[in-house]
Amino acid sequence: MKHNATNILKLLIPTLLFFVMFSGCKEDDYIPEVLFNYYIDVNSVEYNSVKIPGNSVYLNVAGYSGVIIHCNYTDEYVAFERACPYHPEEAGAVVEIDESMNGTCPVCESQFSLYDGSVIFGPAARPLKWYNTDLQGSILYVYN
């Protein structure tokens, strides 16, 4: 019985060490959770442009590195974290809205659809982190 336990440990320890050593090797980094509950009035002068389908605005007061709110259709909004999922903790890796109305990371040049957050191009393998939206009248709630 003691001999079997020793054999199991001889196999288990190297296996665990292998997983510990290589578990840090991943295609994308983890974006830390930052709890928030924020709202905007889409009829306000500051955010009125986001009512037009295809338009987006930044919220720099919520999320980990800010939030992009995008209008897909009339009264249908999506919200995404601005931190690039490829390397969210790297300085400057904050997704910006480009001239083609996609989100682009200026550091790794990954490009994301603002319709659903999916990767269009680049080294990022994960989509943009999605946040909840809820439109009640002209008030758009954005939260996680």
C-alpha atoms as a PDB file:
ATOM      1  CA  MET A   1       0.000   0.000   0.000  1.00  0.00           C
ATOM      2  CA  LYS A   2       2.815   2.400   0.907  1.00  0.00           C
ATOM      3  CA  HIS A   3       4.621   1.518  -2.330  1.00  0.00           C
ATOM      4  CA  ASN A   4       1.529   2.430  -4.459  1.00  0.00           C
ATOM      5  CA  ALA A   5       1.170   5.812  -2.722  1.00  0.00           C
ATOM      6  CA  THR A   6       4.846   6.576  -3.449  1.00  0.00           C
ATOM      7  CA  ASN A   7       4.382   5.717  -7.130  1.00  0.00           C
ATOM      8  CA  ILE A   8       1.304   7.904  -7.369  1.00  0.00           C
ATOM      9  CA  LEU A   9       3.184  10.827  -5.800  1.00  0.00           C
ATOM     10  CA  LYS A  10       6.092  10.305  -8.212  1.00  0.00           C
ATOM     11  CA  LEU A  11       3.658  10.740 -11.105  1.00  0.00           C
ATOM     12  CA  LEU A  12       1.508  13.434  -9.535  1.00  0.00           C
ATOM     13  CA  ILE A  13       4.243  15.872  -8.483  1.00  0.00           C
ATOM     14  CA  PRO A  14       5.860  16.273 -11.937  1.00  0.00           C
ATOM     15  CA  THR A  15       2.416  16.591 -13.516  1.00  0.00           C
ATOM     16  CA  LEU A  16       1.413  19.343 -11.082  1.00  0.00           C
ATOM     17  CA  LEU A  17       4.708  21.150 -11.609  1.00  0.00           C
ATOM     18  CA  PHE A  18       4.173  21.047 -15.371  1.00  0.00           C
ATOM     19  CA  PHE A  19       0.719  22.616 -15.061  1.00  0.00           C
ATOM     20  CA  VAL A  20       1.924  25.279 -12.625  1.00  0.00           C
ATOM     21  CA  MET A  21       4.841  26.225 -14.861  1.00  0.00           C
ATOM     22  CA  PHE A  22       2.813  26.487 -18.052  1.00  0.00           C
ATOM     23  CA  SER A  23      -0.532  27.726 -16.768  1.00  0.00           C
ATOM     24  CA  GLY A  24       0.710  31.315 -17.203  1.00  0.00           C
ATOM     25  CA  CYS A  25       1.188  30.779 -20.932  1.00  0.00           C
ATOM     26  CA  LYS A  26      -2.019  31.933 -22.507  1.00  0.00           C
ATOM     27  CA  GLU A  27      -3.017  33.901 -25.542  1.00  0.00           C
ATOM     28  CA  ASP A  28      -4.768  36.673 -23.617  1.00  0.00           C
ATOM     29  CA  ASP A  29      -4.531  38.147 -20.155  1.00  0.00           C
ATOM     30  CA  TYR A  30      -7.318  38.303 -17.652  1.00  0.00           C
ATOM     31  CA  ILE A  31      -9.189  41.598 -17.310  1.00  0.00           C
ATOM     32  CA  PRO A  32      -9.805  42.292 -13.619  1.00  0.00           C
ATOM     33  CA  GLU A  33     -13.428  42.669 -12.517  1.00  0.00           C
ATOM     34  CA  VAL A  34     -14.334  46.217 -11.511  1.00  0.00           C
ATOM     35  CA  LEU A  35     -17.888  46.481 -10.226  1.00  0.00           C
ATOM     36  CA  PHE A  36     -19.840  49.465 -11.484  1.00  0.00           C
ATOM     37  CA  ASN A  37     -23.377  50.624 -12.177  1.00  0.00           C
ATOM     38  CA  TYR A  38     -23.511  53.743 -14.333  1.00  0.00           C
ATOM     39  CA  TYR A  39     -26.116  55.438 -16.466  1.00  0.00           C
ATOM     40  CA  ILE A  40     -26.344  58.065 -19.181  1.00  0.00           C
ATOM     41  CA  ASP A  41     -29.235  60.006 -20.668  1.00  0.00           C
ATOM     42  CA  VAL A  42     -29.104  59.327 -24.418  1.00  0.00           C
ATOM     43  CA  ASN A  43     -31.144  62.505 -24.991  1.00  0.00           C
ATOM     44  CA  SER A  44     -28.467  64.681 -23.363  1.00  0.00           C
ATOM     45  CA  VAL A  45     -26.233  66.821 -25.565  1.00  0.00           C
ATOM     46  CA  GLU A  46     -23.164  64.858 -24.449  1.00  0.00           C
ATOM     47  CA  TYR A  47     -24.531  61.434 -25.479  1.00  0.00           C
ATOM     48  CA  ASN A  48     -27.172  62.276 -28.108  1.00  0.00           C
ATOM     49  CA  SER A  49     -24.973  61.002 -30.984  1.00  0.00           C
ATOM     50  CA  VAL A  50     -25.044  57.441 -29.597  1.00  0.00           C
ATOM     51  CA  LYS A  51     -28.768  57.243 -30.465  1.00  0.00           C
ATOM     52  CA  ILE A  52     -27.803  56.870 -34.134  1.00  0.00           C
ATOM     53  CA  PRO A  53     -27.231  53.217 -35.125  1.00  0.00           C
ATOM     54  CA  GLY A  54     -23.535  52.609 -35.807  1.00  0.00           C
ATOM     55  CA  ASN A  55     -22.317  55.364 -33.477  1.00  0.00           C
ATOM     56  CA  SER A  56     -20.310  54.828 -30.307  1.00  0.00           C
ATOM     57  CA  VAL A  57     -19.217  56.839 -27.274  1.00  0.00           C
ATOM     58  CA  TYR A  58     -16.688  56.396 -24.485  1.00  0.00           C
ATOM     59  CA  LEU A  59     -17.442  56.204 -20.784  1.00  0.00           C
ATOM     60  CA  ASN A  60     -14.208  56.900 -18.962  1.00  0.00           C
ATOM     61  CA  VAL A  61     -15.836  56.661 -15.531  1.00  0.00           C
ATOM     62  CA  ALA A  62     -16.640  52.947 -15.455  1.00  0.00           C
ATOM     63  CA  GLY A  63     -15.027  49.585 -16.119  1.00  0.00           C
ATOM     64  CA  TYR A  64     -11.362  48.687 -15.830  1.00  0.00           C
ATOM     65  CA  SER A  65     -10.031  51.018 -18.556  1.00  0.00           C
ATOM     66  CA  GLY A  66     -13.296  52.654 -19.535  1.00  0.00           C
ATOM     67  CA  VAL A  67     -16.279  51.492 -21.562  1.00  0.00           C
ATOM     68  CA  ILE A  68     -17.385  51.821 -25.169  1.00  0.00           C
ATOM     69  CA  ILE A  69     -21.146  52.101 -25.684  1.00  0.00           C
ATOM     70  CA  HIS A  70     -22.267  51.260 -29.205  1.00  0.00           C
ATOM     71  CA  CYS A  71     -25.724  51.590 -30.778  1.00  0.00           C
ATOM     72  CA  ASN A  72     -26.441  48.557 -32.980  1.00  0.00           C
ATOM     73  CA  TYR A  73     -30.028  49.461 -33.861  1.00  0.00           C
ATOM     74  CA  THR A  74     -32.501  52.072 -32.684  1.00  0.00           C
ATOM     75  CA  ASP A  75     -32.840  51.583 -28.917  1.00  0.00           C
ATOM     76  CA  GLU A  76     -30.427  48.601 -28.906  1.00  0.00           C
ATOM     77  CA  TYR A  77     -27.086  49.187 -27.202  1.00  0.00           C
ATOM     78  CA  VAL A  78     -24.039  47.099 -26.342  1.00  0.00           C
ATOM     79  CA  ALA A  79     -21.173  48.003 -24.020  1.00  0.00           C
ATOM     80  CA  PHE A  80     -17.600  46.739 -23.978  1.00  0.00           C
ATOM     81  CA  GLU A  81     -14.520  47.122 -21.806  1.00  0.00           C
ATOM     82  CA  ARG A  82     -11.879  49.334 -23.440  1.00  0.00           C
ATOM     83  CA  ALA A  83      -8.951  47.299 -22.065  1.00  0.00           C
ATOM     84  CA  CYS A  84      -7.545  45.150 -24.862  1.00  0.00           C
ATOM     85  CA  PRO A  85      -8.125  41.484 -23.970  1.00  0.00           C
ATOM     86  CA  TYR A  86      -4.696  40.605 -25.397  1.00  0.00           C
ATOM     87  CA  HIS A  87      -2.805  42.611 -22.749  1.00  0.00           C
ATOM     88  CA  PRO A  88      -5.168  44.661 -20.546  1.00  0.00           C
ATOM     89  CA  GLU A  89      -2.564  45.789 -18.022  1.00  0.00           C
ATOM     90  CA  GLU A  90      -0.127  47.199 -20.575  1.00  0.00           C
ATOM     91  CA  ALA A  91       0.013  50.994 -20.665  1.00  0.00           C
ATOM     92  CA  GLY A  92      -1.786  52.363 -23.717  1.00  0.00           C
ATOM     93  CA  ALA A  93      -3.572  49.101 -24.571  1.00  0.00           C
ATOM     94  CA  VAL A  94      -6.951  50.820 -24.527  1.00  0.00           C
ATOM     95  CA  VAL A  95      -9.305  50.121 -27.432  1.00  0.00           C
ATOM     96  CA  GLU A  96     -10.199  53.182 -29.485  1.00  0.00           C
ATOM     97  CA  ILE A  97     -12.931  53.680 -32.058  1.00  0.00           C
ATOM     98  CA  ASP A  98     -11.263  53.874 -35.473  1.00  0.00           C
ATOM     99  CA  GLU A  99     -12.390  55.508 -38.739  1.00  0.00           C
ATOM    100  CA  SER A 100     -14.066  52.269 -39.875  1.00  0.00           C
ATOM    101  CA  MET A 101     -16.195  52.301 -36.671  1.00  0.00           C
ATOM    102  CA  ASN A 102     -14.409  49.274 -35.224  1.00  0.00           C
ATOM    103  CA  GLY A 103     -12.456  49.119 -31.995  1.00  0.00           C
ATOM    104  CA  THR A 104      -8.669  48.999 -32.374  1.00  0.00           C
ATOM    105  CA  CYS A 105      -5.899  48.513 -29.822  1.00  0.00           C
ATOM    106  CA  PRO A 106      -3.105  50.992 -30.630  1.00  0.00           C
ATOM    107  CA  VAL A 107      -0.488  48.713 -29.038  1.00  0.00           C
ATOM    108  CA  CYS A 108      -1.067  45.275 -30.630  1.00  0.00           C
ATOM    109  CA  GLU A 109      -3.304  46.512 -33.477  1.00  0.00           C
ATOM    110  CA  SER A 110      -6.008  43.943 -32.728  1.00  0.00           C
ATOM    111  CA  GLN A 111      -9.283  45.040 -34.261  1.00  0.00           C
ATOM    112  CA  PHE A 112     -12.733  44.291 -32.809  1.00  0.00           C
ATOM    113  CA  SER A 113     -16.300  44.550 -34.062  1.00  0.00           C
ATOM    114  CA  LEU A 114     -18.311  47.019 -31.998  1.00  0.00           C
ATOM    115  CA  TYR A 115     -21.468  45.156 -33.004  1.00  0.00           C
ATOM    116  CA  ASP A 116     -20.640  42.102 -30.856  1.00  0.00           C
ATOM    117  CA  GLY A 117     -17.052  42.590 -29.588  1.00  0.00           C
ATOM    118  CA  SER A 118     -15.619  39.786 -31.720  1.00  0.00           C
ATOM    119  CA  VAL A 119     -12.029  39.817 -32.987  1.00  0.00           C
ATOM    120  CA  ILE A 120     -11.699  40.934 -36.608  1.00  0.00           C
ATOM    121  CA  PHE A 121      -7.923  40.982 -36.849  1.00  0.00           C
ATOM    122  CA  GLY A 122      -4.787  40.764 -34.719  1.00  0.00           C
ATOM    123  CA  PRO A 123      -3.178  38.642 -32.055  1.00  0.00           C
ATOM    124  CA  ALA A 124      -6.125  38.843 -29.615  1.00  0.00           C
ATOM    125  CA  ALA A 125      -7.970  35.533 -29.392  1.00  0.00           C
ATOM    126  CA  ARG A 126     -10.730  36.686 -27.047  1.00  0.00           C
ATOM    127  CA  PRO A 127     -13.471  39.208 -27.823  1.00  0.00           C
ATOM    128  CA  LEU A 128     -13.901  42.453 -25.951  1.00  0.00           C
ATOM    129  CA  LYS A 129     -15.302  42.004 -22.455  1.00  0.00           C
ATOM    130  CA  TRP A 130     -19.060  42.543 -22.578  1.00  0.00           C
ATOM    131  CA  TYR A 131     -21.047  44.642 -20.068  1.00  0.00           C
ATOM    132  CA  ASN A 132     -24.803  44.692 -19.501  1.00  0.00           C
ATOM    133  CA  THR A 133     -27.021  47.462 -20.853  1.00  0.00           C
ATOM    134  CA  ASP A 134     -30.637  48.302 -20.075  1.00  0.00           C
ATOM    135  CA  LEU A 135     -32.516  51.161 -21.746  1.00  0.00           C
ATOM    136  CA  GLN A 136     -35.423  52.565 -19.734  1.00  0.00           C
ATOM    137  CA  GLY A 137     -36.947  55.559 -21.488  1.00  0.00           C
ATOM    138  CA  SER A 138     -33.965  57.755 -22.358  1.00  0.00           C
ATOM    139  CA  ILE A 139     -31.801  56.422 -19.526  1.00  0.00           C
ATOM    140  CA  LEU A 140     -29.251  53.783 -20.548  1.00  0.00           C
ATOM    141  CA  TYR A 141     -27.879  51.770 -17.631  1.00  0.00           C
ATOM    142  CA  VAL A 142     -24.469  50.147 -18.095  1.00  0.00           C
ATOM    143  CA  TYR A 143     -23.333  47.682 -15.437  1.00  0.00           C
ATOM    144  CA  ASN A 144     -21.663  44.380 -14.662  1.00  0.00           C
END
